[in-house]
Amino acid sequence: MGKHAAEVGYEEKAVVTRLAAMPGGTAIAWGLDDGRVRACDVAQQAVIEVKAEPGAAISALAMTPDGRRIAWGDEEGQAGVFEIV
C-alpha cells in the first residue's frame, strides 16, 4: 500500500498457479503450471530457483512466517520443502 508495484520473474511461457507470501515481509514465492517454483525478496529483486525441474503444475504452496522455508506440492502428488539460507 502506498508503494509502486514491482515485477519480478516474468515469463511468457509459464503461468503462475499458486502464490505464497511472508506475512508482513517482502518475500514471495510462486509456483508455475510447468512445475517450477521460484522465490524472491521483492525489496532486493533477486529471484531464487526453489524447484527448477519441470513437471506437473504446482497445486499447493506455502511459506513459513519467517520466509525461510517454502513447501510445494504438484498435481501428481510430488512435494518438497526448500530452505533459504
C-alpha atoms as a PDB file:
ATOM      1  CA  MET A   1       0.000   0.000   0.000  1.00  0.00           C
ATOM      2  CA  GLY A   2       1.324   3.377  -0.975  1.00  0.00           C
ATOM      3  CA  LYS A   3       4.229   1.866  -2.950  1.00  0.00           C
ATOM      4  CA  HIS A   4       4.860   1.299  -6.641  1.00  0.00           C
ATOM      5  CA  ALA A   5       4.209  -2.180  -7.998  1.00  0.00           C
ATOM      6  CA  ALA A   6       7.211  -4.448  -8.583  1.00  0.00           C
ATOM      7  CA  GLU A   7       7.540  -7.060 -11.312  1.00  0.00           C
ATOM      8  CA  VAL A   8       9.896  -9.997 -10.806  1.00  0.00           C
ATOM      9  CA  GLY A   9      10.464 -13.251 -12.654  1.00  0.00           C
ATOM     10  CA  TYR A  10       8.240 -12.557 -15.667  1.00  0.00           C
ATOM     11  CA  GLU A  11       7.993 -15.333 -18.257  1.00  0.00           C
ATOM     12  CA  GLU A  12       5.820 -15.547 -21.347  1.00  0.00           C
ATOM     13  CA  LYS A  13       5.758 -19.369 -21.491  1.00  0.00           C
ATOM     14  CA  ALA A  14       4.552 -20.127 -17.948  1.00  0.00           C
ATOM     15  CA  VAL A  15       1.525 -19.214 -15.849  1.00  0.00           C
ATOM     16  CA  VAL A  16       1.553 -18.747 -12.076  1.00  0.00           C
ATOM     17  CA  THR A  17      -0.765 -21.290 -10.425  1.00  0.00           C
ATOM     18  CA  ARG A  18      -0.001 -20.571  -6.736  1.00  0.00           C
ATOM     19  CA  LEU A  19       1.442 -17.668  -4.755  1.00  0.00           C
ATOM     20  CA  ALA A  20       2.663 -17.501  -1.149  1.00  0.00           C
ATOM     21  CA  ALA A  21       3.953 -14.517   0.798  1.00  0.00           C
ATOM     22  CA  MET A  22       5.768 -13.845   4.056  1.00  0.00           C
ATOM     23  CA  PRO A  23       3.280 -12.164   6.421  1.00  0.00           C
ATOM     24  CA  GLY A  24       4.354  -8.562   6.960  1.00  0.00           C
ATOM     25  CA  GLY A  25       7.542  -9.059   4.946  1.00  0.00           C
ATOM     26  CA  THR A  26       8.859  -8.658   1.434  1.00  0.00           C
ATOM     27  CA  ALA A  27       9.440 -12.315   0.448  1.00  0.00           C
ATOM     28  CA  ILE A  28       7.153 -14.076  -2.023  1.00  0.00           C
ATOM     29  CA  ALA A  29       7.148 -17.459  -3.747  1.00  0.00           C
ATOM     30  CA  TRP A  30       5.230 -18.624  -6.788  1.00  0.00           C
ATOM     31  CA  GLY A  31       4.529 -21.965  -8.434  1.00  0.00           C
ATOM     32  CA  LEU A  32       4.097 -22.346 -12.173  1.00  0.00           C
ATOM     33  CA  ASP A  33       1.957 -24.508 -14.426  1.00  0.00           C
ATOM     34  CA  ASP A  34       5.128 -26.208 -15.722  1.00  0.00           C
ATOM     35  CA  GLY A  35       6.087 -27.499 -12.244  1.00  0.00           C
ATOM     36  CA  ARG A  36       8.765 -24.973 -11.333  1.00  0.00           C
ATOM     37  CA  VAL A  37       8.817 -22.897  -8.130  1.00  0.00           C
ATOM     38  CA  ARG A  38      10.614 -19.607  -7.587  1.00  0.00           C
ATOM     39  CA  ALA A  39      11.013 -17.137  -4.731  1.00  0.00           C
ATOM     40  CA  CYS A  40      12.095 -13.538  -4.388  1.00  0.00           C
ATOM     41  CA  ASP A  41      12.668 -10.825  -1.837  1.00  0.00           C
ATOM     42  CA  VAL A  42      10.827  -8.035  -3.608  1.00  0.00           C
ATOM     43  CA  ALA A  43      12.987  -5.387  -1.925  1.00  0.00           C
ATOM     44  CA  GLN A  44      16.156  -6.924  -3.422  1.00  0.00           C
ATOM     45  CA  GLN A  45      14.520  -8.356  -6.581  1.00  0.00           C
ATOM     46  CA  ALA A  46      16.797 -11.402  -6.564  1.00  0.00           C
ATOM     47  CA  VAL A  47      14.941 -14.488  -7.864  1.00  0.00           C
ATOM     48  CA  ILE A  48      15.822 -17.889  -6.344  1.00  0.00           C
ATOM     49  CA  GLU A  49      15.119 -21.197  -8.114  1.00  0.00           C
ATOM     50  CA  VAL A  50      13.304 -23.267  -5.478  1.00  0.00           C
ATOM     51  CA  LYS A  51      12.380 -26.105  -7.845  1.00  0.00           C
ATOM     52  CA  ALA A  52      13.990 -25.840 -11.269  1.00  0.00           C
ATOM     53  CA  GLU A  53      12.888 -29.166 -12.759  1.00  0.00           C
ATOM     54  CA  PRO A  54       9.760 -29.001 -14.917  1.00  0.00           C
ATOM     55  CA  GLY A  55       6.856 -31.287 -14.105  1.00  0.00           C
ATOM     56  CA  ALA A  56       3.205 -31.234 -13.154  1.00  0.00           C
ATOM     57  CA  ALA A  57       1.550 -27.924 -12.315  1.00  0.00           C
ATOM     58  CA  ILE A  58       2.101 -26.661  -8.782  1.00  0.00           C
ATOM     59  CA  SER A  59      -1.158 -27.043  -6.851  1.00  0.00           C
ATOM     60  CA  ALA A  60      -0.072 -26.158  -3.286  1.00  0.00           C
ATOM     61  CA  LEU A  61       2.426 -23.624  -1.986  1.00  0.00           C
ATOM     62  CA  ALA A  62       3.184 -22.233   1.474  1.00  0.00           C
ATOM     63  CA  MET A  63       5.852 -20.107   3.130  1.00  0.00           C
ATOM     64  CA  THR A  64       6.768 -20.060   6.825  1.00  0.00           C
ATOM     65  CA  PRO A  65       6.093 -16.787   8.666  1.00  0.00           C
ATOM     66  CA  ASP A  66       9.832 -16.007   8.773  1.00  0.00           C
ATOM     67  CA  GLY A  67      10.141 -16.568   4.995  1.00  0.00           C
ATOM     68  CA  ARG A  68      12.919 -19.166   5.372  1.00  0.00           C
ATOM     69  CA  ARG A  69      11.082 -22.299   4.178  1.00  0.00           C
ATOM     70  CA  ILE A  70       8.845 -22.918   1.191  1.00  0.00           C
ATOM     71  CA  ALA A  71       6.741 -26.054   0.810  1.00  0.00           C
ATOM     72  CA  TRP A  72       5.221 -27.068  -2.505  1.00  0.00           C
ATOM     73  CA  GLY A  73       3.057 -29.820  -3.975  1.00  0.00           C
ATOM     74  CA  ASP A  74       2.104 -30.626  -7.543  1.00  0.00           C
ATOM     75  CA  GLU A  75      -0.878 -32.176  -9.329  1.00  0.00           C
ATOM     76  CA  GLU A  76       0.835 -35.598  -9.497  1.00  0.00           C
ATOM     77  CA  GLY A  77       1.338 -35.811  -5.724  1.00  0.00           C
ATOM     78  CA  GLN A  78       5.014 -34.851  -5.573  1.00  0.00           C
ATOM     79  CA  ALA A  79       6.002 -32.464  -2.785  1.00  0.00           C
ATOM     80  CA  GLY A  80       9.047 -30.804  -1.327  1.00  0.00           C
ATOM     81  CA  VAL A  81      10.396 -28.286   1.147  1.00  0.00           C
ATOM     82  CA  PHE A  82      13.113 -25.757   0.335  1.00  0.00           C
ATOM     83  CA  GLU A  83      15.081 -23.875   2.970  1.00  0.00           C
ATOM     84  CA  ILE A  84      16.504 -20.454   2.126  1.00  0.00           C
ATOM     85  CA  VAL A  85      19.862 -19.964   3.817  1.00  0.00           C
END
